[in-house]
C-alpha atoms as a PDB file:
ATOM      1  CA  UNK A   1     -10.355 -79.117 -45.032  1.00  0.00           C
ATOM      2  CA  UNK A   2     -12.682 -77.573 -47.661  1.00  0.00           C
ATOM      3  CA  UNK A   3     -12.366 -78.849 -51.087  1.00  0.00           C
ATOM      4  CA  UNK A   4     -11.250 -75.414 -52.537  1.00  0.00           C
ATOM      5  CA  UNK A   5      -8.214 -75.380 -50.147  1.00  0.00           C
ATOM      6  CA  UNK A   6      -7.440 -78.929 -51.019  1.00  0.00           C
ATOM      7  CA  UNK A   7      -7.242 -77.871 -54.798  1.00  0.00           C
ATOM      8  CA  UNK A   8      -5.338 -74.970 -53.851  1.00  0.00           C
ATOM      9  CA  UNK A   9      -2.676 -77.216 -52.201  1.00  0.00           C
ATOM     10  CA  UNK A  10      -2.713 -79.616 -54.911  1.00  0.00           C
ATOM     11  CA  UNK A  11      -2.146 -76.648 -57.545  1.00  0.00           C
ATOM     12  CA  UNK A  12       0.737 -75.438 -55.602  1.00  0.00           C
ATOM     13  CA  UNK A  13       2.407 -78.851 -55.451  1.00  0.00           C
ATOM     14  CA  UNK A  14       1.564 -79.586 -59.128  1.00  0.00           C
ATOM     15  CA  UNK A  15       3.160 -76.469 -60.307  1.00  0.00           C
ATOM     16  CA  UNK A  16       6.151 -77.047 -58.130  1.00  0.00           C
ATOM     17  CA  UNK A  17       6.610 -80.586 -59.397  1.00  0.00           C
ATOM     18  CA  UNK A  18       6.082 -79.354 -62.927  1.00  0.00           C
ATOM     19  CA  UNK A  19       9.443 -77.458 -62.779  1.00  0.00           C
ATOM     20  CA  UNK A  20      11.243 -80.521 -61.360  1.00  0.00           C
ATOM     21  CA  UNK A  21       9.808 -82.876 -64.151  1.00  0.00           C
ATOM     22  CA  UNK A  22      10.415 -80.655 -67.061  1.00  0.00           C
ATOM     23  CA  UNK A  23      14.084 -81.191 -67.402  1.00  0.00           C
ATOM     24  CA  UNK A  24      13.817 -84.973 -67.134  1.00  0.00           C
ATOM     25  CA  UNK A  25      14.694 -86.551 -70.298  1.00  0.00           C
ATOM     26  CA  UNK A  26      15.161 -83.589 -72.265  1.00  0.00           C
ATOM     27  CA  UNK A  27      17.279 -83.743 -75.369  1.00  0.00           C
ATOM     28  CA  UNK A  28      18.289 -80.295 -76.883  1.00  0.00           C
ATOM     29  CA  UNK A  29      18.632 -79.806 -80.662  1.00  0.00           C
ATOM     30  CA  UNK A  30      22.538 -79.283 -80.236  1.00  0.00           C
ATOM     31  CA  UNK A  31      22.706 -82.794 -78.435  1.00  0.00           C
ATOM     32  CA  UNK A  32      20.767 -84.291 -81.416  1.00  0.00           C
ATOM     33  CA  UNK A  33      22.951 -82.350 -84.133  1.00  0.00           C
ATOM     34  CA  UNK A  34      20.054 -80.943 -85.833  1.00  0.00           C
ATOM     35  CA  UNK A  35      19.455 -77.264 -84.936  1.00  0.00           C
ATOM     36  CA  UNK A  36      16.661 -75.891 -86.831  1.00  0.00           C
ATOM     37  CA  UNK A  37      17.134 -72.453 -88.520  1.00  0.00           C
ATOM     38  CA  UNK A  38      15.858 -69.503 -86.394  1.00  0.00           C
ATOM     39  CA  UNK A  39      15.805 -71.466 -83.097  1.00  0.00           C
ATOM     40  CA  UNK A  40      18.345 -71.592 -80.269  1.00  0.00           C
ATOM     41  CA  UNK A  41      20.725 -74.812 -79.939  1.00  0.00           C
ATOM     42  CA  UNK A  42      19.218 -75.294 -76.396  1.00  0.00           C
ATOM     43  CA  UNK A  43      15.690 -75.713 -77.604  1.00  0.00           C
ATOM     44  CA  UNK A  44      14.188 -79.155 -77.153  1.00  0.00           C
ATOM     45  CA  UNK A  45      14.363 -81.385 -80.120  1.00  0.00           C
ATOM     46  CA  UNK A  46      11.120 -83.465 -79.265  1.00  0.00           C
ATOM     47  CA  UNK A  47       8.872 -81.961 -76.640  1.00  0.00           C
ATOM     48  CA  UNK A  48       6.439 -84.349 -75.134  1.00  0.00           C
ATOM     49  CA  UNK A  49       3.931 -82.367 -73.178  1.00  0.00           C
ATOM     50  CA  UNK A  50       1.400 -84.957 -72.576  1.00  0.00           C
ATOM     51  CA  UNK A  51       3.940 -87.123 -70.729  1.00  0.00           C
ATOM     52  CA  UNK A  52       5.193 -84.370 -68.791  1.00  0.00           C
ATOM     53  CA  UNK A  53       1.630 -83.343 -67.726  1.00  0.00           C
ATOM     54  CA  UNK A  54       0.706 -86.982 -66.872  1.00  0.00           C
ATOM     55  CA  UNK A  55       3.990 -87.666 -64.866  1.00  0.00           C
ATOM     56  CA  UNK A  56       3.623 -84.239 -63.127  1.00  0.00           C
ATOM     57  CA  UNK A  57      -0.130 -85.129 -62.121  1.00  0.00           C
ATOM     58  CA  UNK A  58       0.893 -88.736 -61.039  1.00  0.00           C
ATOM     59  CA  UNK A  59       3.768 -87.422 -58.720  1.00  0.00           C
ATOM     60  CA  UNK A  60       1.673 -84.565 -57.315  1.00  0.00           C
ATOM     61  CA  UNK A  61      -1.133 -87.038 -56.382  1.00  0.00           C
ATOM     62  CA  UNK A  62       1.368 -89.138 -54.453  1.00  0.00           C
ATOM     63  CA  UNK A  63       2.604 -86.183 -52.773  1.00  0.00           C
ATOM     64  CA  UNK A  64      -0.911 -84.808 -51.807  1.00  0.00           C
ATOM     65  CA  UNK A  65      -1.983 -88.412 -50.980  1.00  0.00           C
ATOM     66  CA  UNK A  66       0.824 -88.835 -48.517  1.00  0.00           C
ATOM     67  CA  UNK A  67      -0.101 -85.327 -46.988  1.00  0.00           C
ATOM     68  CA  UNK A  68      -3.726 -86.142 -46.717  1.00  0.00           C
ATOM     69  CA  UNK A  69      -2.764 -89.462 -44.982  1.00  0.00           C
ATOM     70  CA  UNK A  70      -0.559 -87.941 -42.736  1.00  0.00           C
ATOM     71  CA  UNK A  71      -2.980 -85.297 -41.673  1.00  0.00           C
ATOM     72  CA  UNK A  72      -6.253 -87.341 -41.736  1.00  0.00           C
ATOM     73  CA  UNK A  73      -5.128 -90.948 -40.558  1.00  0.00           C
ATOM     74  CA  UNK A  74      -2.287 -90.085 -38.187  1.00  0.00           C
ATOM     75  CA  UNK A  75      -3.638 -86.808 -37.096  1.00  0.00           C
ATOM     76  CA  UNK A  76      -0.408 -84.840 -37.592  1.00  0.00           C
ATOM     77  CA  UNK A  77      -1.078 -80.966 -37.784  1.00  0.00           C
ATOM     78  CA  UNK A  78       0.987 -78.039 -38.076  1.00  0.00           C
ATOM     79  CA  UNK A  79       0.841 -77.465 -34.485  1.00  0.00           C
ATOM     80  CA  UNK A  80       2.832 -80.724 -33.871  1.00  0.00           C
ATOM     81  CA  UNK A  81       5.779 -79.198 -35.679  1.00  0.00           C
ATOM     82  CA  UNK A  82       8.496 -77.564 -33.429  1.00  0.00           C
ATOM     83  CA  UNK A  83       8.663 -74.002 -33.503  1.00  0.00           C
ATOM     84  CA  UNK A  84      11.625 -72.436 -35.344  1.00  0.00           C
ATOM     85  CA  UNK A  85      11.052 -68.902 -34.249  1.00  0.00           C
ATOM     86  CA  UNK A  86      10.694 -68.560 -30.663  1.00  0.00           C
ATOM     87  CA  UNK A  87       7.550 -66.950 -29.221  1.00  0.00           C
ATOM     88  CA  UNK A  88       8.014 -64.000 -26.876  1.00  0.00           C
ATOM     89  CA  UNK A  89       5.329 -63.296 -24.739  1.00  0.00           C
END
């Protein structure tokens, strides 16, 4: 697989995992009891963007590594999957 295609797959996986990781460990201002003036109560009280990016990257690397291992080492391709939509010839 070309490097640009592999990067595109990694980017799509990374972006999807980001939305899974974002709410993990989130504490809102209303939960902490300290709502700042001019913000909504559901705003995060302490946002740790670096930790979220790092965790997202690590999980994405694991998923893409498993995908690469499955396709390269075991030789599993998309042709090996059963067809969901029947082919009418």
